[in-house]
């Protein structure tokens, strides 16, 4: 990766498409689940995955680079889970939305 505008600070610039790649992996995993649906929502240029449960309740999941790694986040910015655990994230979403 080439140095970005933050190279003087010692912070590597992250590739813009990393967020989209992680959200695409989440979207694909959610779409594979019969009890869930989802849609990609973009607000102010930032993408989210809106996950819809059996009762039509929704949660929005984002993705941010925090503490030297990518994390899925809740809509309010709280960290949800590392992006490497897509199946764990989906299981948690099923739990959150299953009884809603």
Protein backbone atom coordinates (compact mmCIF):
# COMPACT_ATOMS: atom_id res chain seq x y z
CA UNK A 1 0.00 0.00 0.00
CA UNK A 2 1.34 3.42 -0.79
CA UNK A 3 1.63 6.10 1.87
CA UNK A 4 -1.36 8.38 2.04
CA UNK A 5 -1.79 11.89 3.33
CA UNK A 6 -1.18 10.66 6.90
CA UNK A 7 2.30 9.31 6.15
CA UNK A 8 3.97 12.09 8.15
CA UNK A 9 2.06 11.01 11.28
CA UNK A 10 3.06 7.36 11.01
CA UNK A 11 -0.57 6.32 10.45
CA UNK A 12 -1.10 4.33 7.30
CA UNK A 13 -3.96 5.46 5.15
CA UNK A 14 -6.53 2.70 4.81
CA UNK A 15 -7.92 1.73 1.47
CA UNK A 16 -11.40 3.14 0.98
CA UNK A 17 -12.78 -0.12 -0.36
CA UNK A 18 -11.89 -2.14 2.76
CA UNK A 19 -15.09 -0.93 4.46
CA UNK A 20 -17.14 -1.94 1.44
CA UNK A 21 -15.47 -5.36 1.22
CA UNK A 22 -16.29 -6.12 4.87
CA UNK A 23 -19.86 -4.89 4.53
CA UNK A 24 -20.26 -6.95 1.33
CA UNK A 25 -19.13 -10.06 3.24
CA UNK A 26 -21.70 -9.32 5.94
CA UNK A 27 -24.41 -8.67 3.36
CA UNK A 28 -23.66 -11.95 1.59
CA UNK A 29 -23.77 -13.86 4.88
CA UNK A 30 -27.08 -12.27 5.87
CA UNK A 31 -28.60 -12.98 2.45
CA UNK A 32 -27.69 -16.66 2.89
CA UNK A 33 -29.92 -16.83 5.98
CA UNK A 34 -33.54 -17.58 5.29
CA UNK A 35 -34.83 -15.73 8.37
CA UNK A 36 -33.00 -12.47 7.59
CA UNK A 37 -33.03 -9.89 4.83
CA UNK A 38 -30.87 -6.85 4.31
CA UNK A 39 -30.23 -3.79 2.23
CA UNK A 40 -27.28 -1.49 1.85
CA UNK A 41 -27.99 2.05 3.00
CA UNK A 42 -25.73 5.02 2.25
CA UNK A 43 -25.91 8.18 4.35
CA UNK A 44 -23.56 11.10 3.82
CA UNK A 45 -21.34 8.86 1.74
CA UNK A 46 -21.01 6.14 4.40
CA UNK A 47 -22.43 2.66 3.75
CA UNK A 48 -24.33 0.56 6.31
CA UNK A 49 -26.02 -2.81 6.13
CA UNK A 50 -29.60 -2.62 7.37
CA UNK A 51 -30.50 -6.10 8.61
CA UNK A 52 -34.19 -7.01 8.79
CA UNK A 53 -35.46 -9.77 11.07
CA UNK A 54 -38.51 -12.03 10.83
CA UNK A 55 -40.76 -9.47 12.56
CA UNK A 56 -39.51 -6.70 10.25
CA UNK A 57 -37.43 -5.14 13.07
CA UNK A 58 -34.19 -3.63 11.78
CA UNK A 59 -30.68 -2.95 12.99
CA UNK A 60 -27.99 -1.12 11.09
CA UNK A 61 -24.44 -2.36 11.09
CA UNK A 62 -21.52 -0.23 9.97
CA UNK A 63 -17.81 -0.83 9.69
CA UNK A 64 -14.96 1.31 11.03
CA UNK A 65 -11.21 1.08 11.35
CA UNK A 66 -10.53 1.30 15.11
CA UNK A 67 -7.45 0.40 17.16
CA UNK A 68 -5.46 -0.95 14.24
CA UNK A 69 -8.22 -3.12 12.85
CA UNK A 70 -11.60 -3.24 11.15
CA UNK A 71 -14.71 -3.69 13.31
CA UNK A 72 -18.40 -3.98 12.65
CA UNK A 73 -20.25 -1.30 14.59
CA UNK A 74 -23.78 -0.55 15.69
CA UNK A 75 -25.42 2.52 14.13
CA UNK A 76 -24.47 4.59 17.21
CA UNK A 77 -20.77 3.80 16.68
CA UNK A 78 -20.34 1.20 19.45
CA UNK A 79 -18.04 -1.63 18.44
CA UNK A 80 -19.92 -4.81 17.61
CA UNK A 81 -17.36 -7.44 16.57
CA UNK A 82 -14.16 -7.82 14.55
CA UNK A 83 -14.83 -8.18 10.82
CA UNK A 84 -13.10 -11.57 10.73
CA UNK A 85 -16.08 -13.05 12.65
CA UNK A 86 -18.90 -12.63 10.10
CA UNK A 87 -20.66 -15.84 11.20
CA UNK A 88 -20.54 -14.73 14.85
CA UNK A 89 -21.97 -11.35 13.87
CA UNK A 90 -24.81 -12.99 11.97
CA UNK A 91 -25.57 -15.29 14.92
CA UNK A 92 -25.74 -12.26 17.20
CA UNK A 93 -28.02 -10.45 14.75
CA UNK A 94 -30.35 -13.47 14.65
CA UNK A 95 -30.49 -13.30 18.46
CA UNK A 96 -31.14 -9.55 18.44
CA UNK A 97 -33.83 -9.68 15.78
CA UNK A 98 -35.38 -13.09 16.44
CA UNK A 99 -37.64 -11.97 19.28
CA UNK A 100 -38.14 -8.35 18.21
